[in-house]
N, C-alpha and C. Protein backbone atom coordinates (compact mmCIF):
# COMPACT_ATOMS: atom_id res chain seq x y z
N ARG A 1 -3.80 -22.47 17.40
CA ARG A 1 -3.25 -22.38 18.70
C ARG A 1 -1.81 -23.30 18.69
N ASP A 2 -2.02 -24.71 17.67
CA ASP A 2 -0.87 -25.18 17.17
C ASP A 2 0.24 -24.81 16.09
N LEU A 3 -0.01 -23.60 15.95
CA LEU A 3 1.06 -22.91 14.93
C LEU A 3 1.49 -22.10 16.15
N ASP A 4 1.77 -22.06 17.08
CA ASP A 4 2.65 -21.36 18.12
C ASP A 4 3.60 -22.49 18.89
N THR A 5 3.42 -23.42 18.76
CA THR A 5 4.53 -24.64 19.38
C THR A 5 5.86 -24.51 19.10
N ALA A 6 6.45 -24.54 19.66
CA ALA A 6 7.83 -24.24 19.16
C ALA A 6 8.56 -24.84 17.43
N GLY A 7 8.37 -26.31 17.93
CA GLY A 7 8.73 -27.01 16.49
C GLY A 7 8.00 -26.77 15.35
N VAL A 8 6.75 -26.32 15.40
CA VAL A 8 6.11 -26.23 14.52
C VAL A 8 7.05 -24.40 13.67
N LEU A 9 6.79 -23.58 14.97
CA LEU A 9 7.52 -22.24 14.38
C LEU A 9 8.59 -22.11 13.69
N ALA A 10 9.76 -23.17 14.38
CA ALA A 10 11.42 -23.59 13.59
C ALA A 10 10.63 -24.36 12.30
N SER A 11 10.27 -25.23 11.95
CA SER A 11 9.59 -25.46 10.83
C SER A 11 9.17 -24.77 9.86
N LEU A 12 8.29 -24.14 10.12
CA LEU A 12 7.75 -22.66 9.36
C LEU A 12 8.81 -21.49 8.91
N GLN A 13 9.65 -21.36 10.38
CA GLN A 13 10.74 -20.54 9.71
C GLN A 13 11.61 -21.08 8.95
N MET A 14 12.14 -22.22 8.81
CA MET A 14 12.85 -22.71 7.80
C MET A 14 11.99 -22.99 6.34
N ASP A 15 10.93 -23.02 6.32
CA ASP A 15 10.73 -23.10 5.32
C ASP A 15 10.64 -22.10 4.18
N ILE A 16 10.32 -20.58 5.18
CA ILE A 16 9.96 -19.54 4.76
C ILE A 16 11.69 -18.80 4.62
N ARG A 17 12.57 -19.56 5.07
CA ARG A 17 14.02 -19.21 4.68
C ARG A 17 14.59 -20.12 3.39
N ARG A 18 14.47 -21.00 2.93
CA ARG A 18 14.20 -22.13 1.84
C ARG A 18 13.57 -20.81 0.47
N PHE A 19 12.31 -20.67 0.67
CA PHE A 19 11.40 -19.79 -0.29
C PHE A 19 12.23 -18.69 -0.41
N ILE A 20 12.47 -17.34 0.78
CA ILE A 20 13.99 -16.54 0.63
C ILE A 20 14.91 -16.63 -0.60
N GLN A 21 15.21 -17.99 -0.14
CA GLN A 21 16.80 -18.40 -0.99
C GLN A 21 16.67 -18.59 -2.44
N ALA A 22 14.74 -18.87 -2.04
CA ALA A 22 15.15 -19.28 -3.98
C ALA A 22 14.29 -18.41 -4.72
N GLU A 23 14.14 -17.25 -3.94
CA GLU A 23 13.33 -16.06 -4.41
C GLU A 23 14.13 -14.55 -4.46
N LEU A 24 15.62 -14.74 -4.05
CA LEU A 24 16.65 -13.63 -4.17
C LEU A 24 16.16 -12.72 -5.02
N SER A 25 16.24 -13.13 -6.63
CA SER A 25 16.00 -12.25 -7.11
C SER A 25 14.94 -11.85 -7.78
N ASN A 26 13.95 -12.36 -6.94
CA ASN A 26 12.69 -11.75 -7.46
C ASN A 26 12.18 -10.06 -6.67
N PRO A 27 11.95 -9.06 -7.62
CA PRO A 27 11.87 -7.61 -6.85
C PRO A 27 10.96 -7.65 -6.27
N GLU A 28 10.16 -8.92 -5.93
CA GLU A 28 8.23 -8.42 -5.19
C GLU A 28 8.60 -9.16 -3.97
N LEU A 29 9.80 -9.59 -3.82
CA LEU A 29 9.78 -10.69 -2.22
C LEU A 29 9.96 -9.56 -1.58
N THR A 30 8.41 -9.70 -0.76
CA THR A 30 8.28 -8.46 0.14
C THR A 30 7.88 -9.38 1.39
N ALA A 31 7.78 -8.79 2.33
CA ALA A 31 7.57 -9.15 3.80
C ALA A 31 5.66 -9.65 3.52
N ASP A 32 4.73 -8.59 2.84
CA ASP A 32 3.83 -8.96 2.47
C ASP A 32 3.59 -10.21 1.66
N MET A 33 4.48 -10.43 0.85
CA MET A 33 4.08 -11.44 -0.16
C MET A 33 4.16 -12.81 0.33
N VAL A 34 5.35 -12.85 1.28
CA VAL A 34 5.78 -13.97 1.64
C VAL A 34 4.71 -14.27 3.36
N ALA A 35 4.55 -13.66 3.70
CA ALA A 35 2.99 -13.51 4.60
C ALA A 35 1.56 -14.54 3.83
N ALA A 36 1.33 -13.80 2.84
CA ALA A 36 0.52 -14.61 1.78
C ALA A 36 0.88 -15.58 1.88
N ARG A 37 1.73 -15.65 0.97
CA ARG A 37 2.46 -17.48 0.95
C ARG A 37 2.26 -18.19 1.35
N PHE A 38 2.25 -18.10 2.54
CA PHE A 38 2.79 -18.58 3.99
C PHE A 38 1.66 -18.70 4.78
N GLY A 39 0.34 -18.04 4.41
CA GLY A 39 -1.16 -17.93 5.50
C GLY A 39 -0.68 -17.43 6.49
N ILE A 40 0.25 -16.20 6.95
CA ILE A 40 0.68 -16.25 8.26
C ILE A 40 0.52 -14.45 8.13
N SER A 41 0.22 -13.75 9.36
CA SER A 41 -0.41 -12.51 9.33
C SER A 41 1.74 -11.86 9.00
N ARG A 42 1.75 -10.31 8.52
CA ARG A 42 3.10 -10.03 8.54
C ARG A 42 3.39 -10.19 10.36
N ARG A 43 2.59 -9.31 10.89
CA ARG A 43 3.22 -9.75 12.83
C ARG A 43 3.55 -10.81 12.75
N LYS A 44 3.18 -11.82 12.47
CA LYS A 44 3.81 -13.27 12.72
C LYS A 44 5.26 -13.56 12.11
N LEU A 45 5.15 -12.96 10.65
CA LEU A 45 6.45 -13.27 10.05
C LEU A 45 7.10 -12.44 10.68
N TYR A 46 7.41 -11.10 11.06
CA TYR A 46 8.26 -10.53 11.62
C TYR A 46 8.56 -10.85 12.84
N TYR A 47 8.01 -11.49 13.53
CA TYR A 47 8.36 -12.69 14.97
C TYR A 47 9.44 -13.30 14.79
N LEU A 48 8.89 -14.66 13.40
CA LEU A 48 9.58 -15.67 13.25
C LEU A 48 11.47 -14.94 12.82
N PHE A 49 11.37 -13.53 12.31
CA PHE A 49 12.52 -13.30 12.16
C PHE A 49 13.10 -12.21 13.33
N GLU A 50 12.69 -12.00 13.93
CA GLU A 50 13.45 -11.02 15.30
C GLU A 50 14.76 -10.74 15.87
N ALA A 51 15.04 -12.56 15.75
CA ALA A 51 16.38 -12.55 16.08
C ALA A 51 17.37 -12.42 15.20
N ASP A 52 17.06 -12.44 13.91
CA ASP A 52 18.08 -11.68 12.76
C ASP A 52 17.95 -10.24 12.52
N GLY A 53 17.01 -9.53 13.42
CA GLY A 53 17.29 -8.45 13.26
C GLY A 53 15.83 -7.38 12.29
N GLY A 54 15.21 -8.74 12.41
CA GLY A 54 13.91 -8.26 11.26
C GLY A 54 13.77 -9.01 10.52
N PHE A 55 12.35 -9.07 9.31
CA PHE A 55 12.51 -10.05 8.35
C PHE A 55 13.58 -9.06 6.68
N ASN A 56 13.52 -7.77 6.97
CA ASN A 56 14.02 -7.02 6.03
C ASN A 56 15.02 -7.25 6.23
N THR A 57 15.75 -7.25 7.44
CA THR A 57 17.02 -7.35 7.58
C THR A 57 17.90 -8.72 7.08
N TYR A 58 16.92 -9.65 7.21
CA TYR A 58 17.52 -11.18 7.06
C TYR A 58 17.27 -10.56 5.43
N LEU A 59 16.73 -10.52 4.67
CA LEU A 59 16.23 -10.54 3.65
C LEU A 59 17.34 -9.65 2.34
N ARG A 60 17.83 -8.50 3.07
CA ARG A 60 18.92 -7.92 2.83
C ARG A 60 20.61 -8.84 2.92
N ALA A 61 20.44 -9.19 4.10
CA ALA A 61 21.64 -9.84 4.28
C ALA A 61 22.01 -10.95 3.51
N ARG A 62 21.08 -12.11 2.99
CA ARG A 62 21.03 -12.64 2.21
C ARG A 62 20.89 -11.87 0.69
N ARG A 63 20.73 -11.17 0.53
CA ARG A 63 20.87 -11.06 -0.95
C ARG A 63 22.14 -10.15 -1.05
N LEU A 64 22.72 -9.97 0.21
CA LEU A 64 24.52 -9.11 -0.10
C LEU A 64 25.05 -10.68 -0.13
N GLU A 65 24.87 -11.39 0.49
CA GLU A 65 25.53 -12.92 0.60
C GLU A 65 25.31 -13.99 -0.99
N ALA A 66 24.90 -13.27 -1.17
CA ALA A 66 23.92 -13.88 -3.08
C ALA A 66 25.08 -12.83 -3.67
N ILE A 67 25.09 -11.79 -3.59
CA ILE A 67 26.40 -10.76 -4.36
C ILE A 67 27.54 -10.78 -4.14
N ARG A 68 27.76 -11.18 -3.15
CA ARG A 68 29.23 -11.30 -2.67
C ARG A 68 29.58 -12.87 -3.39
N SER A 69 29.08 -14.09 -3.20
CA SER A 69 28.74 -15.10 -3.55
C SER A 69 29.16 -15.07 -5.64
N ALA A 70 28.10 -14.62 -5.76
CA ALA A 70 28.67 -13.89 -7.39
C ALA A 70 30.00 -13.03 -7.76
N LEU A 71 30.45 -12.50 -6.47
CA LEU A 71 31.86 -11.25 -6.95
C LEU A 71 32.66 -12.08 -7.40
N ILE A 72 32.79 -13.29 -6.42
CA ILE A 72 33.96 -14.14 -6.23
C ILE A 72 34.11 -15.14 -6.88
N ASP A 73 33.16 -15.43 -7.33
CA ASP A 73 33.11 -16.35 -8.52
C ASP A 73 33.98 -16.51 -9.76
N PRO A 74 34.68 -17.14 -9.42
CA PRO A 74 35.75 -16.90 -10.73
C PRO A 74 34.56 -17.19 -12.42
N THR A 75 33.38 -18.08 -12.31
CA THR A 75 33.21 -17.97 -13.63
C THR A 75 31.91 -16.84 -13.64
N GLN A 76 31.77 -15.69 -12.87
CA GLN A 76 30.61 -14.87 -13.40
C GLN A 76 31.89 -13.35 -13.41
N VAL A 77 32.91 -14.16 -13.23
CA VAL A 77 34.26 -11.85 -14.11
C VAL A 77 33.95 -11.62 -14.92
N ASP A 78 32.93 -11.88 -15.86
CA ASP A 78 32.31 -11.02 -17.26
C ASP A 78 31.15 -10.57 -16.65
N ARG A 79 30.74 -10.39 -15.58
CA ARG A 79 29.36 -9.84 -15.43
C ARG A 79 29.96 -8.75 -14.32
N SER A 80 29.01 -7.69 -14.79
CA SER A 80 29.65 -6.43 -14.20
C SER A 80 28.94 -6.34 -12.81
N ILE A 81 29.27 -5.29 -12.08
CA ILE A 81 28.96 -5.76 -10.42
C ILE A 81 27.41 -4.94 -10.17
N SER A 82 27.45 -4.21 -11.00
CA SER A 82 25.98 -3.34 -11.43
C SER A 82 25.16 -4.93 -11.84
N GLU A 83 25.30 -5.51 -12.91
CA GLU A 83 24.36 -6.89 -13.12
C GLU A 83 24.09 -7.50 -12.02
N ILE A 84 25.23 -7.84 -11.33
CA ILE A 84 24.83 -8.97 -10.17
C ILE A 84 24.22 -8.31 -9.60
N ALA A 85 24.41 -7.17 -8.64
CA ALA A 85 23.80 -5.82 -7.73
C ALA A 85 22.32 -6.43 -8.35
N GLY A 86 21.72 -5.57 -9.68
CA GLY A 86 20.23 -5.70 -10.21
C GLY A 86 19.61 -7.39 -9.76
N GLN A 87 20.66 -7.78 -10.37
CA GLN A 87 19.98 -9.34 -10.49
C GLN A 87 19.36 -9.66 -9.08
N PHE A 88 20.06 -9.34 -7.65
CA PHE A 88 19.55 -9.46 -6.16
C PHE A 88 18.85 -8.32 -5.85
N CYS A 89 18.50 -7.34 -6.73
CA CYS A 89 17.22 -6.28 -6.33
C CYS A 89 18.23 -5.07 -5.17
N PHE A 90 19.67 -4.80 -6.02
CA PHE A 90 20.47 -3.73 -5.40
C PHE A 90 20.43 -2.88 -6.68
N GLY A 91 19.60 -2.25 -6.98
CA GLY A 91 19.39 -1.16 -8.17
C GLY A 91 20.39 0.27 -7.82
N ASN A 92 20.56 0.54 -6.55
CA ASN A 92 21.08 1.95 -5.82
C ASN A 92 22.69 1.66 -5.87
N ARG A 93 23.98 1.60 -6.37
CA ARG A 93 25.12 1.66 -6.40
C ARG A 93 25.71 2.30 -5.46
N SER A 94 25.41 3.15 -4.37
CA SER A 94 26.03 3.79 -3.23
C SER A 94 25.30 3.06 -1.75
N GLY A 95 23.84 2.67 -2.15
CA GLY A 95 23.70 1.83 -1.22
C GLY A 95 23.95 0.60 -1.17
N LEU A 96 24.51 -0.07 -2.69
CA LEU A 96 25.21 -1.58 -2.03
C LEU A 96 26.54 -1.41 -1.93
N VAL A 97 27.22 -0.26 -2.23
CA VAL A 97 28.65 -0.15 -1.53
C VAL A 97 28.60 -0.07 -0.03
N THR A 98 27.55 1.21 0.36
CA THR A 98 27.37 1.28 1.99
C THR A 98 27.05 0.02 2.28
N ALA A 99 25.89 -0.87 2.11
CA ALA A 99 26.27 -2.11 2.93
C ALA A 99 26.49 -3.25 2.66
N PHE A 100 27.72 -3.08 1.47
CA PHE A 100 28.74 -4.02 1.35
C PHE A 100 29.56 -4.08 2.02
N ARG A 101 30.17 -2.66 2.54
CA ARG A 101 30.97 -2.11 3.58
C ARG A 101 30.86 -2.71 5.03
N ARG A 102 29.88 -2.45 5.42
CA ARG A 102 28.96 -3.04 6.86
C ARG A 102 29.20 -3.70 7.20
N ALA A 103 28.42 -5.02 6.16
CA ALA A 103 28.63 -6.75 6.14
C ALA A 103 29.62 -7.19 5.64
N TYR A 104 31.06 -6.73 4.86
CA TYR A 104 32.21 -7.56 4.92
C TYR A 104 33.35 -6.43 4.84
N GLY A 105 33.21 -5.41 5.35
CA GLY A 105 34.48 -4.49 5.39
C GLY A 105 35.28 -4.14 4.15
N LEU A 106 34.40 -4.48 3.11
CA LEU A 106 35.01 -4.37 1.58
C LEU A 106 34.03 -3.91 1.13
N VAL A 107 33.98 -2.87 0.11
CA VAL A 107 33.73 -2.85 -1.40
C VAL A 107 33.53 -3.73 -2.53
N PRO A 108 32.34 -3.67 -2.91
CA PRO A 108 32.05 -4.76 -3.74
C PRO A 108 33.45 -5.11 -5.12
N ARG A 109 33.79 -3.34 -5.55
CA ARG A 109 35.10 -4.30 -5.92
C ARG A 109 36.21 -4.77 -6.04
N GLU A 110 36.76 -4.74 -4.49
CA GLU A 110 37.53 -5.32 -3.88
C GLU A 110 37.26 -6.57 -3.88
N ALA A 111 36.07 -7.09 -3.17
CA ALA A 111 35.46 -8.19 -3.00
C ALA A 111 36.14 -8.60 -4.45
N ARG A 112 35.32 -8.47 -5.57
CA ARG A 112 36.01 -9.34 -6.67
C ARG A 112 37.44 -9.55 -6.92
N ALA A 113 38.20 -8.74 -6.67
CA ALA A 113 39.36 -8.32 -6.92
C ALA A 113 40.35 -9.86 -5.72
N PHE A 114 39.83 -9.51 -4.52
CA PHE A 114 40.31 -10.32 -3.66
C PHE A 114 39.50 -12.34 -3.89
N GLY A 115 38.33 -12.24 -4.62
CA GLY A 115 37.58 -13.38 -5.19
C GLY A 115 38.29 -13.81 -6.27
N GLN A 116 39.16 -13.26 -7.07
CA GLN A 116 39.59 -13.63 -8.27
C GLN A 116 40.59 -14.41 -8.36
N ALA A 117 41.74 -13.75 -6.87
CA ALA A 117 43.22 -14.22 -6.65
C ALA A 117 42.62 -15.02 -5.62
N GLY A 118 41.89 -15.70 -5.54
CA GLY A 118 41.62 -16.56 -4.43
C GLY A 118 41.69 -16.56 -2.83
N VAL A 119 41.44 -15.20 -2.83
CA VAL A 119 41.69 -14.62 -0.92
C VAL A 119 40.76 -15.25 -0.74
N LEU A 120 39.38 -14.47 -1.06
CA LEU A 120 38.26 -14.64 -0.38
C LEU A 120 37.11 -16.10 -0.21
N ASN A 121 37.77 -16.99 -0.59
CA ASN A 121 36.69 -17.98 -1.15
C ASN A 121 36.67 -18.84 0.25
N ASP A 122 37.73 -18.58 0.97
CA ASP A 122 37.47 -19.47 2.24
C ASP A 122 37.49 -18.15 3.37
N GLU A 123 36.41 -18.45 4.07
CA GLU A 123 36.53 -16.52 4.85
C GLU A 123 36.84 -17.65 6.45
N THR A 124 37.22 -19.35 6.54
CA THR A 124 37.52 -19.50 7.76
C THR A 124 39.34 -19.46 7.66
N SER A 125 39.76 -19.02 6.44
CA SER A 125 41.57 -19.07 6.16
C SER A 125 41.79 -18.04 6.85
N PRO A 126 43.09 -18.63 7.77
CA PRO A 126 43.66 -17.33 8.22
C PRO A 126 44.30 -16.06 7.31
N LEU A 127 44.54 -16.39 6.27
CA LEU A 127 44.70 -15.45 5.09
C LEU A 127 43.69 -14.56 4.75
N HIS A 128 42.56 -15.28 4.66
CA HIS A 128 41.19 -14.28 4.73
C HIS A 128 40.88 -13.51 5.44
N ALA A 129 41.23 -13.32 7.03
CA ALA A 129 41.02 -12.86 8.31
C ALA A 129 42.44 -11.47 8.12
N ALA A 130 43.52 -12.14 7.67
CA ALA A 130 44.31 -11.06 7.22
C ALA A 130 44.17 -9.75 6.53
N TRP A 131 43.73 -10.54 5.18
CA TRP A 131 43.80 -9.69 4.20
C TRP A 131 42.40 -8.41 4.84
N ARG A 132 41.31 -9.27 5.62
CA ARG A 132 40.43 -8.05 5.66
C ARG A 132 40.99 -7.39 6.98
N ASN A 133 41.31 -7.85 8.17
CA ASN A 133 42.41 -6.53 9.16
C ASN A 133 43.12 -5.34 8.06
N TRP A 134 43.98 -5.83 7.34
CA TRP A 134 44.51 -5.37 6.94
C TRP A 134 43.90 -4.08 6.23
N ILE A 135 42.76 -4.37 5.31
CA ILE A 135 41.92 -4.03 4.37
C ILE A 135 41.41 -2.56 5.16
N GLN A 136 40.55 -2.87 6.37
CA GLN A 136 39.80 -2.06 7.80
C GLN A 136 41.43 -0.91 7.90
N ARG A 137 42.93 -1.09 8.11
CA ARG A 137 43.16 -0.54 8.68
C ARG A 137 43.93 0.68 7.63
N SER A 138 43.25 0.13 6.48
CA SER A 138 44.42 0.90 5.59
C SER A 138 42.94 2.27 5.24
N ARG A 139 42.01 1.64 5.87
CA ARG A 139 40.69 3.13 5.51
C ARG A 139 41.35 4.29 6.17
């Protein structure tokens, strides 16, 4: 029953989030693997990530975030979009494009171009918001 106290659950969730972040490029990172690693049931794991839309939604969002960061990183311009996507377990190009567009309002190619121009490096900047709005209106 001690595992159900709010502080323990919050601590467990933070440990799991750190683990997921460290393992984003692991293709075997699944709910079963994470639950086994932390000695909890899948049901408990799903409960912990309920507020994030579920475990799989959380994992997908973190992988998309990692892909976005790599795409706008000027030191990774020599890596292909497919290579970056593959590193974070997105093997299906059309699935990546669709998920990326839903998450960021851009396709990966556009994000890379804007990132290289320095537009997307600071999401809080008014320029970032202006570019994002312009792109969404032009579609």
